[in-house]
């Protein structure tokens, strides 16, 4: 008879291969299909977990949804963070958490609808557990952030850790953290709490050992691509990126505000600029100018009112000779 644990591991490896294969196609088709696969695995995980699918061996429980599908989600986040950075990782985290919230809500709506129409719950749709689903959402967020932090911490140049050891310790660490958080939040106080904790820890260890070669080979192959580089990011880069985006949005708002103020100042300045256009009636004798109200004004007064010009008075040589001939004579004699 085939061992149930062996079946779980084989199922997990098949799902892992699908995740890595979908991720490897992102350069050709983009990341959308990868996000779609991860969202689908999240829905299946939530559905199977609510259905209570477990395998019991010698009094130890192995949760199928956690053992097979959730570990595949961790693997997907692992590779997308390593190769595609914090931004795409945040999109994937949002996808996983969003689907984790939507699936139980849809199941609840279906049960309510069937109760109102047929007077009973749906037999084929598992009744969602509020505690389990809330624990799943909270744990997922912590796990995925923890994964990114541990990967960068173990990759610090001072540690000189080999890529293989770094990969295995990160994978095992996040899987065990998930067991401790999710099992405690979802099953603490129940009869099967310790059995679930023990069984999941053991299964996660074997899953990590079995998945490590596949993950390591994939990282090695991807890192050899010319368009792929393994970056050494700050330890809290995934959290820092969120802060940077907030700061960038604030800076953008400030820049928009400054530009609006500058535009308003420019419009005000333009409105105050005075120009002279068209025909200007001027007296042929005294050179006074007639304004729009029909009044005749000295040319310097008119220009001052209709422009930004300022006048300073003096005498040209001809006027100086006419009005002050003695001054002109002195200058000439000089």
C-alpha atoms as a PDB file:
ATOM      1  CA  UNK A   1       0.000   0.000   0.000  1.00  0.00           C
ATOM      2  CA  UNK A   2       1.353   3.428  -0.960  1.00  0.00           C
ATOM      3  CA  UNK A   3       2.276   5.678   1.964  1.00  0.00           C
ATOM      4  CA  UNK A   4      -0.031   8.723   2.341  1.00  0.00           C
ATOM      5  CA  UNK A   5       2.990  10.889   3.158  1.00  0.00           C
ATOM      6  CA  UNK A   6       4.654   9.825  -0.080  1.00  0.00           C
ATOM      7  CA  UNK A   7       1.498  10.739  -1.995  1.00  0.00           C
ATOM      8  CA  UNK A   8       1.413  14.178  -0.359  1.00  0.00           C
ATOM      9  CA  UNK A   9       5.052  14.821  -1.225  1.00  0.00           C
ATOM     10  CA  UNK A  10       4.555  13.726  -4.843  1.00  0.00           C
ATOM     11  CA  UNK A  11       1.481  15.958  -5.141  1.00  0.00           C
ATOM     12  CA  UNK A  12       3.429  18.862  -3.665  1.00  0.00           C
ATOM     13  CA  UNK A  13       6.328  18.385  -6.080  1.00  0.00           C
ATOM     14  CA  UNK A  14       3.945  18.347  -9.045  1.00  0.00           C
ATOM     15  CA  UNK A  15       2.382  21.620  -7.905  1.00  0.00           C
ATOM     16  CA  UNK A  16       5.874  23.066  -7.278  1.00  0.00           C
ATOM     17  CA  UNK A  17       6.886  22.208 -10.806  1.00  0.00           C
ATOM     18  CA  UNK A  18       3.802  24.033 -12.125  1.00  0.00           C
ATOM     19  CA  UNK A  19       4.687  27.123 -10.072  1.00  0.00           C
ATOM     20  CA  UNK A  20       8.325  27.217 -11.210  1.00  0.00           C
ATOM     21  CA  UNK A  21       7.399  26.524 -14.822  1.00  0.00           C
ATOM     22  CA  UNK A  22       4.822  29.333 -14.819  1.00  0.00           C
ATOM     23  CA  UNK A  23       7.356  31.704 -13.288  1.00  0.00           C
ATOM     24  CA  UNK A  24       9.985  30.780 -15.900  1.00  0.00           C
ATOM     25  CA  UNK A  25       7.612  31.888 -18.679  1.00  0.00           C
ATOM     26  CA  UNK A  26       7.295  35.446 -17.375  1.00  0.00           C
ATOM     27  CA  UNK A  27       9.977  36.754 -19.765  1.00  0.00           C
ATOM     28  CA  UNK A  28       8.002  35.462 -22.730  1.00  0.00           C
ATOM     29  CA  UNK A  29       4.386  36.085 -21.714  1.00  0.00           C
ATOM     30  CA  UNK A  30       4.638  38.430 -18.737  1.00  0.00           C
ATOM     31  CA  UNK A  31       3.725  37.721 -15.105  1.00  0.00           C
ATOM     32  CA  UNK A  32      -0.072  37.726 -15.472  1.00  0.00           C
ATOM     33  CA  UNK A  33      -0.432  33.966 -15.963  1.00  0.00           C
ATOM     34  CA  UNK A  34       1.834  33.400 -12.944  1.00  0.00           C
ATOM     35  CA  UNK A  35      -0.378  35.587 -10.747  1.00  0.00           C
ATOM     36  CA  UNK A  36      -3.429  33.747 -12.085  1.00  0.00           C
ATOM     37  CA  UNK A  37      -1.931  30.379 -11.143  1.00  0.00           C
ATOM     38  CA  UNK A  38      -1.033  31.588  -7.665  1.00  0.00           C
ATOM     39  CA  UNK A  39      -4.524  32.986  -7.180  1.00  0.00           C
ATOM     40  CA  UNK A  40      -6.007  29.655  -8.273  1.00  0.00           C
ATOM     41  CA  UNK A  41      -3.772  27.723  -5.863  1.00  0.00           C
ATOM     42  CA  UNK A  42      -4.833  30.084  -3.086  1.00  0.00           C
ATOM     43  CA  UNK A  43      -8.497  29.364  -3.820  1.00  0.00           C
ATOM     44  CA  UNK A  44      -7.876  25.598  -3.860  1.00  0.00           C
ATOM     45  CA  UNK A  45      -5.928  25.818  -0.600  1.00  0.00           C
ATOM     46  CA  UNK A  46      -8.735  27.727   1.090  1.00  0.00           C
ATOM     47  CA  UNK A  47     -11.367  25.324  -0.259  1.00  0.00           C
ATOM     48  CA  UNK A  48      -9.477  22.191   0.804  1.00  0.00           C
ATOM     49  CA  UNK A  49      -8.687  23.616   4.236  1.00  0.00           C
ATOM     50  CA  UNK A  50     -12.337  24.497   4.878  1.00  0.00           C
ATOM     51  CA  UNK A  51     -13.281  20.984   3.771  1.00  0.00           C
ATOM     52  CA  UNK A  52     -11.032  19.621   6.520  1.00  0.00           C
ATOM     53  CA  UNK A  53      -8.998  17.313   4.291  1.00  0.00           C
ATOM     54  CA  UNK A  54      -6.332  15.672   6.449  1.00  0.00           C
ATOM     55  CA  UNK A  55      -4.240  12.537   6.405  1.00  0.00           C
ATOM     56  CA  UNK A  56      -3.703  10.734   9.716  1.00  0.00           C
ATOM     57  CA  UNK A  57      -0.640   8.552  10.267  1.00  0.00           C
ATOM     58  CA  UNK A  58       0.109   7.067  13.696  1.00  0.00           C
ATOM     59  CA  UNK A  59      -1.959   9.728  15.407  1.00  0.00           C
ATOM     60  CA  UNK A  60      -0.314  12.588  13.483  1.00  0.00           C
ATOM     61  CA  UNK A  61      -2.436  14.796  11.215  1.00  0.00           C
ATOM     62  CA  UNK A  62      -1.194  16.171   7.901  1.00  0.00           C
ATOM     63  CA  UNK A  63      -3.319  19.028   6.557  1.00  0.00           C
ATOM     64  CA  UNK A  64      -3.541  18.625   2.768  1.00  0.00           C
ATOM     65  CA  UNK A  65      -4.187  22.292   2.036  1.00  0.00           C
ATOM     66  CA  UNK A  66      -1.256  23.409   4.133  1.00  0.00           C
ATOM     67  CA  UNK A  67       1.139  20.632   3.114  1.00  0.00           C
ATOM     68  CA  UNK A  68       0.615  20.774  -0.634  1.00  0.00           C
ATOM     69  CA  UNK A  69      -0.891  24.076  -1.732  1.00  0.00           C
ATOM     70  CA  UNK A  70       0.276  26.605   0.824  1.00  0.00           C
ATOM     71  CA  UNK A  71       3.882  25.472   0.534  1.00  0.00           C
ATOM     72  CA  UNK A  72       3.534  25.995  -3.217  1.00  0.00           C
ATOM     73  CA  UNK A  73       2.456  29.582  -2.541  1.00  0.00           C
ATOM     74  CA  UNK A  74       5.524  30.099  -0.373  1.00  0.00           C
ATOM     75  CA  UNK A  75       7.667  28.730  -3.169  1.00  0.00           C
ATOM     76  CA  UNK A  76       6.076  31.107  -5.664  1.00  0.00           C
ATOM     77  CA  UNK A  77       6.677  34.117  -3.436  1.00  0.00           C
ATOM     78  CA  UNK A  78      10.225  32.889  -2.874  1.00  0.00           C
ATOM     79  CA  UNK A  79      11.202  32.882  -6.563  1.00  0.00           C
ATOM     80  CA  UNK A  80       9.373  36.057  -7.523  1.00  0.00           C
ATOM     81  CA  UNK A  81      11.047  37.979  -4.704  1.00  0.00           C
ATOM     82  CA  UNK A  82      14.500  36.626  -5.530  1.00  0.00           C
ATOM     83  CA  UNK A  83      14.297  37.365  -9.262  1.00  0.00           C
ATOM     84  CA  UNK A  84      11.694  40.121  -9.659  1.00  0.00           C
ATOM     85  CA  UNK A  85      12.055  42.239  -6.537  1.00  0.00           C
ATOM     86  CA  UNK A  86       9.809  43.728  -3.838  1.00  0.00           C
ATOM     87  CA  UNK A  87       7.356  45.471  -6.168  1.00  0.00           C
ATOM     88  CA  UNK A  88       6.159  42.326  -7.945  1.00  0.00           C
ATOM     89  CA  UNK A  89       6.264  40.470  -4.624  1.00  0.00           C
ATOM     90  CA  UNK A  90       3.834  42.973  -3.130  1.00  0.00           C
ATOM     91  CA  UNK A  91       1.480  42.398  -6.079  1.00  0.00           C
ATOM     92  CA  UNK A  92       1.628  38.651  -5.473  1.00  0.00           C
ATOM     93  CA  UNK A  93       1.084  39.081  -1.735  1.00  0.00           C
ATOM     94  CA  UNK A  94      -1.965  41.243  -2.457  1.00  0.00           C
ATOM     95  CA  UNK A  95      -3.269  38.592  -4.868  1.00  0.00           C
ATOM     96  CA  UNK A  96      -2.876  35.755  -2.359  1.00  0.00           C
ATOM     97  CA  UNK A  97      -4.430  37.684   0.522  1.00  0.00           C
ATOM     98  CA  UNK A  98      -7.254  39.008  -1.658  1.00  0.00           C
ATOM     99  CA  UNK A  99      -8.228  35.537  -2.860  1.00  0.00           C
ATOM    100  CA  UNK A 100      -7.882  34.166   0.685  1.00  0.00           C
ATOM    101  CA  UNK A 101     -10.498  36.681   1.779  1.00  0.00           C
ATOM    102  CA  UNK A 102     -12.811  36.328  -1.215  1.00  0.00           C
ATOM    103  CA  UNK A 103     -13.139  32.511  -1.321  1.00  0.00           C
ATOM    104  CA  UNK A 104     -14.687  32.062   2.164  1.00  0.00           C
ATOM    105  CA  UNK A 105     -16.909  35.098   1.594  1.00  0.00           C
ATOM    106  CA  UNK A 106     -18.225  33.576  -1.631  1.00  0.00           C
ATOM    107  CA  UNK A 107     -18.803  30.257   0.152  1.00  0.00           C
ATOM    108  CA  UNK A 108     -20.757  32.007   2.908  1.00  0.00           C
ATOM    109  CA  UNK A 109     -22.889  33.859   0.339  1.00  0.00           C
ATOM    110  CA  UNK A 110     -23.657  30.584  -1.449  1.00  0.00           C
ATOM    111  CA  UNK A 111     -24.748  28.938   1.807  1.00  0.00           C
ATOM    112  CA  UNK A 112     -26.950  31.884   2.741  1.00  0.00           C
ATOM    113  CA  UNK A 113     -28.461  31.933  -0.728  1.00  0.00           C
ATOM    114  CA  UNK A 114     -29.229  28.218  -0.634  1.00  0.00           C
ATOM    115  CA  UNK A 115     -30.689  28.541   2.859  1.00  0.00           C
ATOM    116  CA  UNK A 116     -33.060  31.247   1.689  1.00  0.00           C
ATOM    117  CA  UNK A 117     -34.053  29.433  -1.499  1.00  0.00           C
ATOM    118  CA  UNK A 118     -33.978  25.753  -0.512  1.00  0.00           C
ATOM    119  CA  UNK A 119     -34.041  25.853   3.252  1.00  0.00           C
ATOM    120  CA  UNK A 120     -30.634  24.211   3.800  1.00  0.00           C
ATOM    121  CA  UNK A 121     -26.893  24.547   3.306  1.00  0.00           C
ATOM    122  CA  UNK A 122     -25.014  23.278   0.274  1.00  0.00           C
ATOM    123  CA  UNK A 123     -23.577  19.825   0.772  1.00  0.00           C
ATOM    124  CA  UNK A 124     -20.811  20.216  -1.824  1.00  0.00           C
ATOM    125  CA  UNK A 125     -19.526  23.593  -0.602  1.00  0.00           C
ATOM    126  CA  UNK A 126     -17.496  23.492   2.626  1.00  0.00           C
ATOM    127  CA  UNK A 127     -18.673  25.813   5.363  1.00  0.00           C
ATOM    128  CA  UNK A 128     -15.872  28.337   5.928  1.00  0.00           C
ATOM    129  CA  UNK A 129     -14.382  28.716   9.384  1.00  0.00           C
ATOM    130  CA  UNK A 130     -13.939  32.349  10.381  1.00  0.00           C
ATOM    131  CA  UNK A 131     -11.113  31.477  12.758  1.00  0.00           C
ATOM    132  CA  UNK A 132      -9.183  29.352  10.261  1.00  0.00           C
ATOM    133  CA  UNK A 133      -9.533  31.838   7.421  1.00  0.00           C
ATOM    134  CA  UNK A 134      -8.576  34.803   9.603  1.00  0.00           C
ATOM    135  CA  UNK A 135      -5.550  32.863  10.826  1.00  0.00           C
ATOM    136  CA  UNK A 136      -4.641  32.063   7.224  1.00  0.00           C
ATOM    137  CA  UNK A 137      -4.745  35.704   6.114  1.00  0.00           C
ATOM    138  CA  UNK A 138      -2.719  36.982   9.079  1.00  0.00           C
ATOM    139  CA  UNK A 139      -0.171  34.183   8.823  1.00  0.00           C
ATOM    140  CA  UNK A 140       0.199  34.610   5.077  1.00  0.00           C
ATOM    141  CA  UNK A 141       1.114  38.281   5.393  1.00  0.00           C
ATOM    142  CA  UNK A 142       3.675  37.583   8.143  1.00  0.00           C
ATOM    143  CA  UNK A 143       5.146  34.577   6.304  1.00  0.00           C
ATOM    144  CA  UNK A 144       5.724  36.376   3.047  1.00  0.00           C
ATOM    145  CA  UNK A 145       7.348  39.391   4.668  1.00  0.00           C
ATOM    146  CA  UNK A 146       9.450  37.078   6.857  1.00  0.00           C
ATOM    147  CA  UNK A 147      10.625  35.165   3.784  1.00  0.00           C
ATOM    148  CA  UNK A 148      11.960  38.313   2.137  1.00  0.00           C
ATOM    149  CA  UNK A 149      13.678  39.485   5.326  1.00  0.00           C
ATOM    150  CA  UNK A 150      15.382  36.137   6.008  1.00  0.00           C
ATOM    151  CA  UNK A 151      16.576  35.778   2.408  1.00  0.00           C
ATOM    152  CA  UNK A 152      18.312  39.164   2.559  1.00  0.00           C
ATOM    153  CA  UNK A 153      19.656  38.613   6.081  1.00  0.00           C
ATOM    154  CA  UNK A 154      21.280  35.301   5.110  1.00  0.00           C
ATOM    155  CA  UNK A 155      22.692  36.871   1.960  1.00  0.00           C
ATOM    156  CA  UNK A 156      24.754  39.555   3.721  1.00  0.00           C
ATOM    157  CA  UNK A 157      28.332  39.508   2.403  1.00  0.00           C
ATOM    158  CA  UNK A 158      29.767  39.146   5.905  1.00  0.00           C
ATOM    159  CA  UNK A 159      28.140  35.739   6.390  1.00  0.00           C
ATOM    160  CA  UNK A 160      29.644  34.297   3.186  1.00  0.00           C
ATOM    161  CA  UNK A 161      26.847  31.746   3.051  1.00  0.00           C
ATOM    162  CA  UNK A 162      26.592  29.479   0.034  1.00  0.00           C
ATOM    163  CA  UNK A 163      23.544  29.907  -2.193  1.00  0.00           C
ATOM    164  CA  UNK A 164      22.353  26.362  -1.505  1.00  0.00           C
ATOM    165  CA  UNK A 165      22.424  26.734   2.291  1.00  0.00           C
ATOM    166  CA  UNK A 166      20.833  30.172   2.040  1.00  0.00           C
ATOM    167  CA  UNK A 167      18.017  28.768  -0.082  1.00  0.00           C
ATOM    168  CA  UNK A 168      17.345  25.774   2.168  1.00  0.00           C
ATOM    169  CA  UNK A 169      17.407  27.714   5.458  1.00  0.00           C
ATOM    170  CA  UNK A 170      15.089  30.398   4.072  1.00  0.00           C
ATOM    171  CA  UNK A 171      12.644  27.811   2.740  1.00  0.00           C
ATOM    172  CA  UNK A 172      12.634  25.719   5.914  1.00  0.00           C
ATOM    173  CA  UNK A 173      12.487  28.773   8.188  1.00  0.00           C
ATOM    174  CA  UNK A 174       9.418  30.274   6.541  1.00  0.00           C
ATOM    175  CA  UNK A 175       7.670  26.901   6.406  1.00  0.00           C
ATOM    176  CA  UNK A 176       8.207  26.244  10.088  1.00  0.00           C
ATOM    177  CA  UNK A 177       7.208  29.783  11.023  1.00  0.00           C
ATOM    178  CA  UNK A 178       3.989  29.264   9.096  1.00  0.00           C
ATOM    179  CA  UNK A 179       3.289  26.071  11.048  1.00  0.00           C
ATOM    180  CA  UNK A 180       3.796  27.778  14.406  1.00  0.00           C
ATOM    181  CA  UNK A 181       1.665  30.808  13.534  1.00  0.00           C
ATOM    182  CA  UNK A 182      -1.165  29.223  11.575  1.00  0.00           C
ATOM    183  CA  UNK A 183      -1.600  26.143  13.780  1.00  0.00           C
ATOM    184  CA  UNK A 184      -1.601  28.252  16.933  1.00  0.00           C
ATOM    185  CA  UNK A 185      -4.046  30.838  15.601  1.00  0.00           C
ATOM    186  CA  UNK A 186      -6.358  28.296  13.968  1.00  0.00           C
ATOM    187  CA  UNK A 187      -6.312  25.278  16.290  1.00  0.00           C
ATOM    188  CA  UNK A 188      -4.964  26.291  19.711  1.00  0.00           C
ATOM    189  CA  UNK A 189      -7.309  24.983  22.412  1.00  0.00           C
ATOM    190  CA  UNK A 190      -8.725  22.149  20.304  1.00  0.00           C
ATOM    191  CA  UNK A 191      -8.128  18.445  20.887  1.00  0.00           C
ATOM    192  CA  UNK A 192      -6.018  17.951  17.779  1.00  0.00           C
ATOM    193  CA  UNK A 193      -3.821  21.050  18.228  1.00  0.00           C
ATOM    194  CA  UNK A 194      -0.595  19.289  19.247  1.00  0.00           C
ATOM    195  CA  UNK A 195      -1.082  16.477  16.737  1.00  0.00           C
ATOM    196  CA  UNK A 196      -1.613  18.970  13.922  1.00  0.00           C
ATOM    197  CA  UNK A 197       1.409  20.992  15.048  1.00  0.00           C
ATOM    198  CA  UNK A 198       3.655  17.932  15.210  1.00  0.00           C
ATOM    199  CA  UNK A 199       2.464  16.434  11.949  1.00  0.00           C
ATOM    200  CA  UNK A 200       2.746  19.705  10.033  1.00  0.00           C
ATOM    201  CA  UNK A 201       6.251  20.415  11.333  1.00  0.00           C
ATOM    202  CA  UNK A 202       7.393  16.956  10.252  1.00  0.00           C
ATOM    203  CA  UNK A 203       5.719  17.186   6.862  1.00  0.00           C
ATOM    204  CA  UNK A 204       7.171  20.654   6.244  1.00  0.00           C
ATOM    205  CA  UNK A 205      10.665  19.354   6.962  1.00  0.00           C
ATOM    206  CA  UNK A 206      10.323  16.530   4.450  1.00  0.00           C
ATOM    207  CA  UNK A 207       8.673  18.880   1.970  1.00  0.00           C
ATOM    208  CA  UNK A 208      11.606  21.299   2.330  1.00  0.00           C
ATOM    209  CA  UNK A 209      14.128  18.506   1.795  1.00  0.00           C
ATOM    210  CA  UNK A 210      12.230  17.237  -1.250  1.00  0.00           C
ATOM    211  CA  UNK A 211      11.613  20.677  -2.751  1.00  0.00           C
ATOM    212  CA  UNK A 212      15.098  22.069  -2.153  1.00  0.00           C
ATOM    213  CA  UNK A 213      16.849  20.383  -5.116  1.00  0.00           C
ATOM    214  CA  UNK A 214      14.154  21.544  -7.510  1.00  0.00           C
ATOM    215  CA  UNK A 215      14.249  25.097  -6.155  1.00  0.00           C
ATOM    216  CA  UNK A 216      18.050  25.250  -6.097  1.00  0.00           C
ATOM    217  CA  UNK A 217      18.383  24.013  -9.675  1.00  0.00           C
ATOM    218  CA  UNK A 218      15.749  26.533 -10.785  1.00  0.00           C
ATOM    219  CA  UNK A 219      17.579  29.421  -9.083  1.00  0.00           C
ATOM    220  CA  UNK A 220      20.856  28.350 -10.667  1.00  0.00           C
ATOM    221  CA  UNK A 221      19.328  28.142 -14.150  1.00  0.00           C
ATOM    222  CA  UNK A 222      17.516  31.453 -13.856  1.00  0.00           C
ATOM    223  CA  UNK A 223      20.559  33.275 -12.485  1.00  0.00           C
ATOM    224  CA  UNK A 224      22.532  32.312 -15.624  1.00  0.00           C
ATOM    225  CA  UNK A 225      20.174  34.267 -17.862  1.00  0.00           C
ATOM    226  CA  UNK A 226      21.620  37.505 -19.197  1.00  0.00           C
ATOM    227  CA  UNK A 227      18.502  39.457 -18.267  1.00  0.00           C
ATOM    228  CA  UNK A 228      18.409  38.160 -14.667  1.00  0.00           C
ATOM    229  CA  UNK A 229      20.585  39.232 -11.739  1.00  0.00           C
ATOM    230  CA  UNK A 230      20.526  38.223  -8.078  1.00  0.00           C
ATOM    231  CA  UNK A 231      20.517  41.498  -6.179  1.00  0.00           C
ATOM    232  CA  UNK A 232      21.799  42.046  -2.653  1.00  0.00           C
ATOM    233  CA  UNK A 233      19.013  44.156  -1.219  1.00  0.00           C
ATOM    234  CA  UNK A 234      18.753  45.688   2.255  1.00  0.00           C
ATOM    235  CA  UNK A 235      17.354  43.320   4.886  1.00  0.00           C
ATOM    236  CA  UNK A 236      14.130  45.303   5.259  1.00  0.00           C
ATOM    237  CA  UNK A 237      13.871  46.143   1.567  1.00  0.00           C
ATOM    238  CA  UNK A 238      10.329  44.809   1.166  1.00  0.00           C
ATOM    239  CA  UNK A 239       9.155  47.074   4.001  1.00  0.00           C
ATOM    240  CA  UNK A 240      11.378  49.946   2.882  1.00  0.00           C
ATOM    241  CA  UNK A 241       9.865  49.798  -0.586  1.00  0.00           C
ATOM    242  CA  UNK A 242       6.434  50.410   0.915  1.00  0.00           C
ATOM    243  CA  UNK A 243       7.796  53.417   2.804  1.00  0.00           C
ATOM    244  CA  UNK A 244       9.537  54.656  -0.355  1.00  0.00           C
ATOM    245  CA  UNK A 245       6.306  54.476  -2.332  1.00  0.00           C
ATOM    246  CA  UNK A 246       4.531  56.499   0.366  1.00  0.00           C
ATOM    247  CA  UNK A 247       7.342  59.046   0.302  1.00  0.00           C
ATOM    248  CA  UNK A 248       7.262  59.215  -3.492  1.00  0.00           C
ATOM    249  CA  UNK A 249       3.510  59.821  -3.455  1.00  0.00           C
ATOM    250  CA  UNK A 250       3.995  62.591  -0.879  1.00  0.00           C
ATOM    251  CA  UNK A 251       6.762  64.140  -3.003  1.00  0.00           C
ATOM    252  CA  UNK A 252       4.530  63.945  -6.068  1.00  0.00           C
ATOM    253  CA  UNK A 253       1.743  65.761  -4.222  1.00  0.00           C
ATOM    254  CA  UNK A 254       4.223  68.421  -3.086  1.00  0.00           C
ATOM    255  CA  UNK A 255       5.527  68.842  -6.623  1.00  0.00           C
ATOM    256  CA  UNK A 256       1.985  69.220  -7.952  1.00  0.00           C
ATOM    257  CA  UNK A 257       1.261  71.788  -5.255  1.00  0.00           C
ATOM    258  CA  UNK A 258       4.421  73.765  -6.106  1.00  0.00           C
ATOM    259  CA  UNK A 259       3.615  73.679  -9.798  1.00  0.00           C
ATOM    260  CA  UNK A 260       0.088  74.911  -9.149  1.00  0.00           C
ATOM    261  CA  UNK A 261       1.461  77.775  -7.047  1.00  0.00           C
ATOM    262  CA  UNK A 262       3.986  78.655  -9.757  1.00  0.00           C
ATOM    263  CA  UNK A 263       1.271  78.550 -12.415  1.00  0.00           C
ATOM    264  CA  UNK A 264      -0.967  80.790 -10.332  1.00  0.00           C
ATOM    265  CA  UNK A 265       1.881  83.255  -9.820  1.00  0.00           C
ATOM    266  CA  UNK A 266       2.594  83.241 -13.559  1.00  0.00           C
ATOM    267  CA  UNK A 267      -1.062  83.867 -14.396  1.00  0.00           C
ATOM    268  CA  UNK A 268      -1.121  86.734 -11.911  1.00  0.00           C
ATOM    269  CA  UNK A 269       2.023  88.236 -13.392  1.00  0.00           C
ATOM    270  CA  UNK A 270       0.657  87.914 -16.909  1.00  0.00           C
ATOM    271  CA  UNK A 271      -2.568  89.589 -15.881  1.00  0.00           C
ATOM    272  CA  UNK A 272      -0.595  92.553 -14.521  1.00  0.00           C
ATOM    273  CA  UNK A 273       1.529  93.018 -17.659  1.00  0.00           C
ATOM    274  CA  UNK A 274       0.408  96.121 -19.555  1.00  0.00           C
ATOM    275  CA  UNK A 275       0.947  96.364 -23.319  1.00  0.00           C
ATOM    276  CA  UNK A 276       0.200  98.970 -25.963  1.00  0.00           C
ATOM    277  CA  UNK A 277      -1.587  97.824 -29.093  1.00  0.00           C
ATOM    278  CA  UNK A 278      -3.437  99.300 -32.051  1.00  0.00           C
ATOM    279  CA  UNK A 279      -3.680 102.962 -33.119  1.00  0.00           C
ATOM    280  CA  UNK A 280      -2.833 105.607 -30.540  1.00  0.00           C
ATOM    281  CA  UNK A 281      -4.234 109.111 -31.261  1.00  0.00           C
ATOM    282  CA  UNK A 282      -1.477 111.691 -30.684  1.00  0.00           C
ATOM    283  CA  UNK A 283      -1.575 115.449 -31.112  1.00  0.00           C
ATOM    284  CA  UNK A 284       0.588 116.649 -34.014  1.00  0.00           C
ATOM    285  CA  UNK A 285       1.416 119.849 -32.146  1.00  0.00           C
ATOM    286  CA  UNK A 286       1.893 119.206 -28.417  1.00  0.00           C
ATOM    287  CA  UNK A 287       2.266 115.419 -28.719  1.00  0.00           C
ATOM    288  CA  UNK A 288      -0.384 114.698 -26.089  1.00  0.00           C
ATOM    289  CA  UNK A 289      -2.198 111.368 -26.378  1.00  0.00           C
ATOM    290  CA  UNK A 290      -5.948 110.897 -26.168  1.00  0.00           C
ATOM    291  CA  UNK A 291      -6.989 108.000 -23.895  1.00  0.00           C
ATOM    292  CA  UNK A 292     -10.101 105.798 -24.124  1.00  0.00           C
ATOM    293  CA  UNK A 293     -12.150 108.306 -22.127  1.00  0.00           C
ATOM    294  CA  UNK A 294     -11.298 111.117 -24.526  1.00  0.00           C
ATOM    295  CA  UNK A 295      -8.878 112.967 -22.239  1.00  0.00           C
ATOM    296  CA  UNK A 296      -5.602 114.306 -23.625  1.00  0.00           C
ATOM    297  CA  UNK A 297      -2.604 113.398 -21.500  1.00  0.00           C
ATOM    298  CA  UNK A 298       1.115 114.030 -21.619  1.00  0.00           C
ATOM    299  CA  UNK A 299       2.835 111.224 -23.476  1.00  0.00           C
ATOM    300  CA  UNK A 300       4.912 110.202 -20.477  1.00  0.00           C
ATOM    301  CA  UNK A 301       1.816 109.994 -18.258  1.00  0.00           C
ATOM    302  CA  UNK A 302      -0.023 107.908 -20.835  1.00  0.00           C
ATOM    303  CA  UNK A 303       2.893 105.493 -21.315  1.00  0.00           C
ATOM    304  CA  UNK A 304       3.367 105.127 -17.576  1.00  0.00           C
ATOM    305  CA  UNK A 305      -0.308 104.209 -17.136  1.00  0.00           C
ATOM    306  CA  UNK A 306      -0.257 101.655 -19.955  1.00  0.00           C
ATOM    307  CA  UNK A 307       3.145 100.039 -19.449  1.00  0.00           C
ATOM    308  CA  UNK A 308       5.785  99.268 -16.871  1.00  0.00           C
ATOM    309  CA  UNK A 309       8.015 102.097 -18.120  1.00  0.00           C
ATOM    310  CA  UNK A 310       9.412 104.776 -15.798  1.00  0.00           C
ATOM    311  CA  UNK A 311      10.612 108.209 -16.945  1.00  0.00           C
ATOM    312  CA  UNK A 312      13.497 110.410 -15.892  1.00  0.00           C
ATOM    313  CA  UNK A 313      13.605 113.968 -17.259  1.00  0.00           C
ATOM    314  CA  UNK A 314      16.496 115.633 -19.070  1.00  0.00           C
ATOM    315  CA  UNK A 315      17.283 117.800 -22.147  1.00  0.00           C
ATOM    316  CA  UNK A 316      18.540 116.745 -25.508  1.00  0.00           C
ATOM    317  CA  UNK A 317      21.334 118.908 -27.062  1.00  0.00           C
ATOM    318  CA  UNK A 318      18.901 120.807 -29.328  1.00  0.00           C
ATOM    319  CA  UNK A 319      16.523 121.696 -26.469  1.00  0.00           C
ATOM    320  CA  UNK A 320      19.446 122.612 -24.273  1.00  0.00           C
ATOM    321  CA  UNK A 321      20.589 125.074 -26.976  1.00  0.00           C
ATOM    322  CA  UNK A 322      17.100 126.563 -27.334  1.00  0.00           C
ATOM    323  CA  UNK A 323      16.268 126.904 -23.642  1.00  0.00           C
ATOM    324  CA  UNK A 324      19.707 127.553 -22.215  1.00  0.00           C
ATOM    325  CA  UNK A 325      21.837 129.103 -24.963  1.00  0.00           C
ATOM    326  CA  UNK A 326      24.377 130.380 -22.445  1.00  0.00           C
ATOM    327  CA  UNK A 327      24.936 126.826 -21.221  1.00  0.00           C
ATOM    328  CA  UNK A 328      25.374 125.660 -24.787  1.00  0.00           C
ATOM    329  CA  UNK A 329      27.790 128.535 -25.508  1.00  0.00           C
ATOM    330  CA  UNK A 330      29.863 127.693 -22.446  1.00  0.00           C
ATOM    331  CA  UNK A 331      30.032 124.101 -23.494  1.00  0.00           C
ATOM    332  CA  UNK A 332      31.021 125.099 -27.011  1.00  0.00           C
ATOM    333  CA  UNK A 333      33.665 127.535 -25.770  1.00  0.00           C
ATOM    334  CA  UNK A 334      34.942 124.876 -23.430  1.00  0.00           C
END
